[in-house]
Amino acid sequence: MRENLKHFVEKYRDIEDLGLKWDLVKMEIRGFTVKFSKTKARKRRAEETFLQKRINELFLKAEKVKQQAYNMRTQFYSGSSRKNNGSQNSRHYP
């Protein structure tokens, strides 16, 4: 911004009316800040969109892993209950 300010002052150095010169420099500063703010907001929105997509991807991945773990646990317990009802139990419980 400081470099731009020097450029703006240099741009209007031939104008003798100090009030007009100041208004022109203010106009340049305002134009620069508006452009800067829009660019910054655009970048922030793009980053927010990217992060939101990433969050959704990770959430779906976590749900998938959670479902797989649940399925594995269900298979494990259903398999072990069949073993307990088999011939091994008959030895302990006549």
Foldseek 3Di string as FASTA:
>chain_A
DVVVLVVLLVVCVPDPPPVVSVVSSVVSVVVVVVVVVVVVVVVVVVVVVVVVVVVVVVVVVVVVVVVVVVVVVVVVVVVVVVVCPDDVVVVVPD
